[in-house]
């Protein structure tokens, strides 16, 4: 994976343009960053190969596709042994409703972002979580409204 040492100002301009609109053509990106298309495409391919760009996908409106409830869930495990951690993390990977999961410091072991249709759908999901032997405690925080969501990453200030 590339480090910021391998990313120059032109790369940052390309990344910023793609974060604004992931559907830009190579020609449009090249025009935006003042490169000809061939060198721009080489830079794009390098950024992909180095793992800086990890994929392209549309941002979907959750409500428009019937996923109107977002819940931030704090989970505490029974213990922190390798079997518990690996088992829990594998279970998370198999749960499509969990769209983000992080280990965290503080009172919980994990913070999850769960997206479901409604409270009944969440109840089904949480019962699956409760059935996991390694889970000690689950605390749910229901999102009332999104203030900021899926924002672009804050690229270094070189471009501001």
C-alpha atoms as a PDB file:
ATOM      1  CA  UNK A   1       0.000   0.000   0.000  1.00  0.00           C
ATOM      2  CA  UNK A   2       1.215   3.488  -0.819  1.00  0.00           C
ATOM      3  CA  UNK A   3       2.048   6.003   1.827  1.00  0.00           C
ATOM      4  CA  UNK A   4       1.540   9.726   1.650  1.00  0.00           C
ATOM      5  CA  UNK A   5       5.231   9.996   0.639  1.00  0.00           C
ATOM      6  CA  UNK A   6       4.301   8.505  -2.748  1.00  0.00           C
ATOM      7  CA  UNK A   7       1.377  10.853  -3.309  1.00  0.00           C
ATOM      8  CA  UNK A   8       2.133  14.211  -4.871  1.00  0.00           C
ATOM      9  CA  UNK A   9      -0.006  17.296  -5.464  1.00  0.00           C
ATOM     10  CA  UNK A  10      -1.267  16.023  -8.823  1.00  0.00           C
ATOM     11  CA  UNK A  11      -2.303  12.709  -7.239  1.00  0.00           C
ATOM     12  CA  UNK A  12      -4.183  14.646  -4.572  1.00  0.00           C
ATOM     13  CA  UNK A  13      -5.984  16.648  -7.255  1.00  0.00           C
ATOM     14  CA  UNK A  14      -7.008  13.408  -8.961  1.00  0.00           C
ATOM     15  CA  UNK A  15      -8.250  11.952  -5.665  1.00  0.00           C
ATOM     16  CA  UNK A  16     -10.184  15.092  -4.818  1.00  0.00           C
ATOM     17  CA  UNK A  17     -11.846  15.087  -8.256  1.00  0.00           C
ATOM     18  CA  UNK A  18     -12.828  11.436  -7.890  1.00  0.00           C
ATOM     19  CA  UNK A  19     -14.213  11.995  -4.406  1.00  0.00           C
ATOM     20  CA  UNK A  20     -16.430  14.749  -5.815  1.00  0.00           C
ATOM     21  CA  UNK A  21     -17.594  12.576  -8.712  1.00  0.00           C
ATOM     22  CA  UNK A  22     -16.515   8.939  -9.031  1.00  0.00           C
ATOM     23  CA  UNK A  23     -18.034   8.714 -12.517  1.00  0.00           C
ATOM     24  CA  UNK A  24     -15.611  11.146 -14.118  1.00  0.00           C
ATOM     25  CA  UNK A  25     -13.992   9.815 -17.269  1.00  0.00           C
ATOM     26  CA  UNK A  26     -10.225   9.721 -17.514  1.00  0.00           C
ATOM     27  CA  UNK A  27     -10.418  12.597 -20.013  1.00  0.00           C
ATOM     28  CA  UNK A  28     -12.461  14.695 -17.563  1.00  0.00           C
ATOM     29  CA  UNK A  29     -10.046  13.958 -14.724  1.00  0.00           C
ATOM     30  CA  UNK A  30      -7.066  14.800 -16.950  1.00  0.00           C
ATOM     31  CA  UNK A  31      -8.694  18.094 -17.901  1.00  0.00           C
ATOM     32  CA  UNK A  32      -9.455  18.905 -14.247  1.00  0.00           C
ATOM     33  CA  UNK A  33      -5.872  18.286 -13.107  1.00  0.00           C
ATOM     34  CA  UNK A  34      -4.177  19.749 -16.207  1.00  0.00           C
ATOM     35  CA  UNK A  35      -2.640  16.520 -17.516  1.00  0.00           C
ATOM     36  CA  UNK A  36      -2.951  14.774 -20.830  1.00  0.00           C
ATOM     37  CA  UNK A  37      -5.081  11.598 -20.691  1.00  0.00           C
ATOM     38  CA  UNK A  38      -2.213   9.050 -20.912  1.00  0.00           C
ATOM     39  CA  UNK A  39      -0.222  10.257 -17.870  1.00  0.00           C
ATOM     40  CA  UNK A  40      -3.471  10.727 -15.968  1.00  0.00           C
ATOM     41  CA  UNK A  41      -4.487   7.131 -16.657  1.00  0.00           C
ATOM     42  CA  UNK A  42      -1.045   5.906 -15.553  1.00  0.00           C
ATOM     43  CA  UNK A  43      -1.440   7.806 -12.287  1.00  0.00           C
ATOM     44  CA  UNK A  44      -4.936   6.403 -11.777  1.00  0.00           C
ATOM     45  CA  UNK A  45      -3.709   2.846 -12.350  1.00  0.00           C
ATOM     46  CA  UNK A  46      -0.797   3.382  -9.947  1.00  0.00           C
ATOM     47  CA  UNK A  47      -3.152   4.755  -7.273  1.00  0.00           C
ATOM     48  CA  UNK A  48      -5.352   1.676  -7.741  1.00  0.00           C
ATOM     49  CA  UNK A  49      -2.419  -0.778  -7.733  1.00  0.00           C
ATOM     50  CA  UNK A  50      -0.929   0.862  -4.627  1.00  0.00           C
ATOM     51  CA  UNK A  51      -4.250   0.467  -2.815  1.00  0.00           C
ATOM     52  CA  UNK A  52      -4.915   4.191  -2.452  1.00  0.00           C
ATOM     53  CA  UNK A  53      -8.069   3.863  -4.567  1.00  0.00           C
ATOM     54  CA  UNK A  54      -9.801   0.735  -3.289  1.00  0.00           C
ATOM     55  CA  UNK A  55     -12.911   0.732  -5.465  1.00  0.00           C
ATOM     56  CA  UNK A  56     -15.695   2.665  -7.138  1.00  0.00           C
ATOM     57  CA  UNK A  57     -19.331   2.505  -6.103  1.00  0.00           C
ATOM     58  CA  UNK A  58     -22.411   4.689  -6.099  1.00  0.00           C
ATOM     59  CA  UNK A  59     -23.691   6.326  -2.937  1.00  0.00           C
ATOM     60  CA  UNK A  60     -27.242   5.155  -2.385  1.00  0.00           C
ATOM     61  CA  UNK A  61     -30.039   6.940  -0.576  1.00  0.00           C
ATOM     62  CA  UNK A  62     -30.791   4.563   2.305  1.00  0.00           C
ATOM     63  CA  UNK A  63     -34.423   5.619   2.662  1.00  0.00           C
ATOM     64  CA  UNK A  64     -35.078   5.342  -1.079  1.00  0.00           C
ATOM     65  CA  UNK A  65     -34.137   1.646  -0.965  1.00  0.00           C
ATOM     66  CA  UNK A  66     -36.070   0.884   2.224  1.00  0.00           C
ATOM     67  CA  UNK A  67     -33.271   1.137   4.804  1.00  0.00           C
ATOM     68  CA  UNK A  68     -34.671   3.982   6.874  1.00  0.00           C
ATOM     69  CA  UNK A  69     -33.106   3.181  10.236  1.00  0.00           C
ATOM     70  CA  UNK A  70     -29.473   3.636  11.237  1.00  0.00           C
ATOM     71  CA  UNK A  71     -28.310   2.389  14.616  1.00  0.00           C
ATOM     72  CA  UNK A  72     -24.916   2.914  16.205  1.00  0.00           C
ATOM     73  CA  UNK A  73     -24.252  -0.124  18.357  1.00  0.00           C
ATOM     74  CA  UNK A  74     -21.628  -0.484  21.062  1.00  0.00           C
ATOM     75  CA  UNK A  75     -20.665  -4.069  21.820  1.00  0.00           C
ATOM     76  CA  UNK A  76     -18.685  -5.452  24.739  1.00  0.00           C
ATOM     77  CA  UNK A  77     -17.258  -8.960  24.493  1.00  0.00           C
ATOM     78  CA  UNK A  78     -17.169 -11.539  27.286  1.00  0.00           C
ATOM     79  CA  UNK A  79     -13.379 -11.691  26.963  1.00  0.00           C
ATOM     80  CA  UNK A  80     -10.624 -10.572  24.623  1.00  0.00           C
ATOM     81  CA  UNK A  81      -9.171 -13.959  23.785  1.00  0.00           C
ATOM     82  CA  UNK A  82      -8.245 -14.668  20.190  1.00  0.00           C
ATOM     83  CA  UNK A  83     -11.132 -17.113  19.702  1.00  0.00           C
ATOM     84  CA  UNK A  84     -13.713 -14.587  20.906  1.00  0.00           C
ATOM     85  CA  UNK A  85     -12.322 -11.721  18.851  1.00  0.00           C
ATOM     86  CA  UNK A  86     -11.914 -13.787  15.676  1.00  0.00           C
ATOM     87  CA  UNK A  87     -15.333 -15.388  16.076  1.00  0.00           C
ATOM     88  CA  UNK A  88     -17.048 -12.057  16.640  1.00  0.00           C
ATOM     89  CA  UNK A  89     -15.297 -10.363  13.740  1.00  0.00           C
ATOM     90  CA  UNK A  90     -16.132 -13.254  11.424  1.00  0.00           C
ATOM     91  CA  UNK A  91     -19.781 -13.022  12.479  1.00  0.00           C
ATOM     92  CA  UNK A  92     -19.753  -9.300  11.654  1.00  0.00           C
ATOM     93  CA  UNK A  93     -18.389  -9.994   8.179  1.00  0.00           C
ATOM     94  CA  UNK A  94     -21.416 -12.193   7.516  1.00  0.00           C
ATOM     95  CA  UNK A  95     -23.950  -9.515   8.578  1.00  0.00           C
ATOM     96  CA  UNK A  96     -24.916  -7.282   5.630  1.00  0.00           C
ATOM     97  CA  UNK A  97     -26.718  -4.862   7.975  1.00  0.00           C
ATOM     98  CA  UNK A  98     -23.381  -3.958   9.576  1.00  0.00           C
ATOM     99  CA  UNK A  99     -21.913  -1.429   7.160  1.00  0.00           C
ATOM    100  CA  UNK A 100     -19.080  -0.192   9.404  1.00  0.00           C
ATOM    101  CA  UNK A 101     -17.353  -1.823  12.359  1.00  0.00           C
ATOM    102  CA  UNK A 102     -14.418  -0.570  14.397  1.00  0.00           C
ATOM    103  CA  UNK A 103     -12.614  -1.682  17.496  1.00  0.00           C
ATOM    104  CA  UNK A 104     -12.635   1.244  19.895  1.00  0.00           C
ATOM    105  CA  UNK A 105     -11.149   2.383  23.160  1.00  0.00           C
ATOM    106  CA  UNK A 106     -13.361   3.338  26.054  1.00  0.00           C
ATOM    107  CA  UNK A 107     -16.302   1.518  27.571  1.00  0.00           C
ATOM    108  CA  UNK A 108     -17.070  -0.661  24.526  1.00  0.00           C
ATOM    109  CA  UNK A 109     -14.936  -3.032  22.483  1.00  0.00           C
ATOM    110  CA  UNK A 110     -16.618  -2.367  19.110  1.00  0.00           C
ATOM    111  CA  UNK A 111     -18.666   0.384  17.525  1.00  0.00           C
ATOM    112  CA  UNK A 112     -20.927  -0.754  14.703  1.00  0.00           C
ATOM    113  CA  UNK A 113     -23.042   1.141  12.204  1.00  0.00           C
ATOM    114  CA  UNK A 114     -26.107  -0.935  11.433  1.00  0.00           C
ATOM    115  CA  UNK A 115     -28.605  -0.098   8.688  1.00  0.00           C
ATOM    116  CA  UNK A 116     -32.024  -1.771   8.712  1.00  0.00           C
ATOM    117  CA  UNK A 117     -35.530  -1.146   7.389  1.00  0.00           C
ATOM    118  CA  UNK A 118     -37.244  -0.488  10.691  1.00  0.00           C
ATOM    119  CA  UNK A 119     -37.437  -1.392  14.379  1.00  0.00           C
ATOM    120  CA  UNK A 120     -38.775  -4.894  13.662  1.00  0.00           C
ATOM    121  CA  UNK A 121     -35.838  -5.520  11.312  1.00  0.00           C
ATOM    122  CA  UNK A 122     -33.444  -4.264  13.985  1.00  0.00           C
ATOM    123  CA  UNK A 123     -35.045  -6.573  16.555  1.00  0.00           C
ATOM    124  CA  UNK A 124     -34.298  -9.560  14.302  1.00  0.00           C
ATOM    125  CA  UNK A 125     -30.693  -8.379  13.880  1.00  0.00           C
ATOM    126  CA  UNK A 126     -30.103  -7.742  17.573  1.00  0.00           C
ATOM    127  CA  UNK A 127     -31.411 -11.217  18.485  1.00  0.00           C
ATOM    128  CA  UNK A 128     -28.741 -12.709  16.236  1.00  0.00           C
ATOM    129  CA  UNK A 129     -26.150 -10.618  18.077  1.00  0.00           C
ATOM    130  CA  UNK A 130     -27.497 -11.693  21.464  1.00  0.00           C
ATOM    131  CA  UNK A 131     -27.126 -15.328  20.440  1.00  0.00           C
ATOM    132  CA  UNK A 132     -23.371 -14.943  19.941  1.00  0.00           C
ATOM    133  CA  UNK A 133     -21.702 -16.531  22.973  1.00  0.00           C
ATOM    134  CA  UNK A 134     -18.821 -14.049  22.983  1.00  0.00           C
ATOM    135  CA  UNK A 135     -21.102 -10.985  23.285  1.00  0.00           C
ATOM    136  CA  UNK A 136     -21.560  -9.672  26.824  1.00  0.00           C
ATOM    137  CA  UNK A 137     -23.387  -6.389  26.269  1.00  0.00           C
ATOM    138  CA  UNK A 138     -25.073  -4.464  23.445  1.00  0.00           C
ATOM    139  CA  UNK A 139     -25.959  -0.777  23.635  1.00  0.00           C
ATOM    140  CA  UNK A 140     -28.027   0.739  20.832  1.00  0.00           C
ATOM    141  CA  UNK A 141     -28.060   4.405  19.825  1.00  0.00           C
ATOM    142  CA  UNK A 142     -30.708   5.181  17.214  1.00  0.00           C
ATOM    143  CA  UNK A 143     -29.855   7.901  14.714  1.00  0.00           C
ATOM    144  CA  UNK A 144     -32.596  10.513  14.563  1.00  0.00           C
ATOM    145  CA  UNK A 145     -31.267  12.249  11.458  1.00  0.00           C
ATOM    146  CA  UNK A 146     -28.009  12.368   9.564  1.00  0.00           C
ATOM    147  CA  UNK A 147     -26.270  15.720   9.830  1.00  0.00           C
ATOM    148  CA  UNK A 148     -23.242  14.731   7.740  1.00  0.00           C
ATOM    149  CA  UNK A 149     -22.907  11.460   5.920  1.00  0.00           C
ATOM    150  CA  UNK A 150     -20.452   9.845   3.489  1.00  0.00           C
ATOM    151  CA  UNK A 151     -18.322  12.970   3.245  1.00  0.00           C
ATOM    152  CA  UNK A 152     -15.114  12.895   1.212  1.00  0.00           C
ATOM    153  CA  UNK A 153     -11.933  12.139   3.122  1.00  0.00           C
ATOM    154  CA  UNK A 154     -10.059  15.249   4.257  1.00  0.00           C
ATOM    155  CA  UNK A 155      -7.099  15.192   1.900  1.00  0.00           C
ATOM    156  CA  UNK A 156      -3.952  17.036   2.986  1.00  0.00           C
ATOM    157  CA  UNK A 157      -4.102  20.808   2.953  1.00  0.00           C
ATOM    158  CA  UNK A 158      -1.760  21.043  -0.044  1.00  0.00           C
ATOM    159  CA  UNK A 159      -4.787  21.720  -2.234  1.00  0.00           C
ATOM    160  CA  UNK A 160      -6.628  24.317  -0.200  1.00  0.00           C
END
